[in-house]
Protein backbone atom coordinates (compact mmCIF):
# COMPACT_ATOMS: atom_id res chain seq x y z
CA UNK A 1 -3.74 -17.62 12.28
CA UNK A 2 -2.76 -21.10 11.25
CA UNK A 3 -1.56 -22.18 7.82
CA UNK A 4 -4.70 -24.29 7.45
CA UNK A 5 -6.96 -21.32 8.28
CA UNK A 6 -5.05 -19.16 5.80
CA UNK A 7 -5.42 -21.82 3.08
CA UNK A 8 -9.17 -21.96 3.74
CA UNK A 9 -9.46 -18.17 3.71
CA UNK A 10 -7.56 -17.98 0.41
CA UNK A 11 -9.82 -20.67 -1.05
CA UNK A 12 -12.96 -18.80 0.04
CA UNK A 13 -11.59 -15.57 -1.44
CA UNK A 14 -10.66 -17.31 -4.70
CA UNK A 15 -6.98 -16.46 -4.27
CA UNK A 16 -4.35 -18.95 -5.41
CA UNK A 17 -1.31 -18.95 -3.12
CA UNK A 18 1.74 -21.18 -3.09
CA UNK A 19 2.99 -22.69 0.19
CA UNK A 20 5.52 -19.89 0.75
CA UNK A 21 2.86 -17.20 0.25
CA UNK A 22 0.48 -19.02 2.60
CA UNK A 23 3.13 -19.00 5.35
CA UNK A 24 3.77 -15.28 4.78
CA UNK A 25 0.07 -14.43 4.80
CA UNK A 26 -0.53 -16.53 7.92
CA UNK A 27 2.14 -14.58 9.80
CA UNK A 28 0.88 -11.23 8.47
CA UNK A 29 -2.73 -12.00 9.31
CA UNK A 30 -1.66 -13.07 12.79
CA UNK A 31 0.02 -9.68 13.29
CA UNK A 32 -3.07 -7.82 12.04
CA UNK A 33 -5.37 -9.77 14.33
CA UNK A 34 -3.08 -9.11 17.30
CA UNK A 35 -3.03 -5.38 16.45
CA UNK A 36 -6.84 -5.30 16.27
CA UNK A 37 -6.94 -6.90 19.70
CA UNK A 38 -4.59 -4.25 21.06
CA UNK A 39 -6.66 -1.43 19.58
CA UNK A 40 -9.86 -2.94 20.94
CA UNK A 41 -8.65 -2.44 24.51
CA UNK A 42 -7.56 1.17 23.94
CA UNK A 43 -9.15 3.73 26.25
CA UNK A 44 -10.25 6.65 24.04
CA UNK A 45 -11.80 8.63 26.92
CA UNK A 46 -9.10 11.35 26.84
CA UNK A 47 -8.62 11.45 23.06
CA UNK A 48 -9.71 14.68 21.39
CA UNK A 49 -11.98 14.49 18.37
CA UNK A 50 -10.07 14.84 15.08
CA UNK A 51 -12.80 14.27 12.54
CA UNK A 52 -15.28 16.84 11.30
CA UNK A 53 -18.75 16.58 12.85
CA UNK A 54 -21.47 15.80 10.32
CA UNK A 55 -23.49 18.89 11.24
CA UNK A 56 -20.63 21.18 10.12
CA UNK A 57 -20.86 20.03 6.50
CA UNK A 58 -22.74 22.07 3.93
CA UNK A 59 -26.26 21.01 3.00
CA UNK A 60 -26.77 19.26 -0.30
CA UNK A 61 -28.62 21.61 -2.60
CA UNK A 62 -29.83 21.00 -6.13
CA UNK A 63 -28.23 23.45 -8.51
CA UNK A 64 -28.85 24.13 -12.16
CA UNK A 65 -26.43 22.21 -14.36
CA UNK A 66 -25.24 22.67 -17.92
CA UNK A 67 -27.66 21.71 -20.71
CA UNK A 68 -27.35 18.06 -21.79
CA UNK A 69 -26.84 19.08 -25.42
CA UNK A 70 -23.82 21.21 -24.51
CA UNK A 71 -22.25 18.51 -22.35
CA UNK A 72 -22.66 15.80 -25.00
CA UNK A 73 -21.71 18.04 -27.94
CA UNK A 74 -19.49 16.04 -30.27
CA UNK A 75 -20.39 12.75 -28.60
CA UNK A 76 -21.66 9.72 -30.45
CA UNK A 77 -25.28 8.73 -29.87
CA UNK A 78 -25.77 10.74 -26.68
CA UNK A 79 -22.69 9.24 -24.97
CA UNK A 80 -19.27 10.45 -23.94
CA UNK A 81 -16.54 9.31 -26.29
CA UNK A 82 -13.49 8.17 -24.31
CA UNK A 83 -10.16 6.60 -25.20
CA UNK A 84 -10.07 2.83 -24.71
CA UNK A 85 -7.95 1.91 -21.67
CA UNK A 86 -8.68 -1.83 -21.35
CA UNK A 87 -7.43 -4.35 -23.90
């Protein structure tokens, strides 16, 4: 990936990068693209399945929940009261 392409990508993403960061990102993106190309040509014919098949998961079932009044007990105006974490 060229420096110019990286600058354009950063601009489109709304990311401000200095010239040193652009050079670093260009090299890193080049490596990632090359890796993706290597993975694309990988023959997975003899690879065993590692993920869980979707049909082995439990079915979603509606269950009775706690009463709303109990859950919101002590809340203000029907809402959960939480500690502020953003200034």
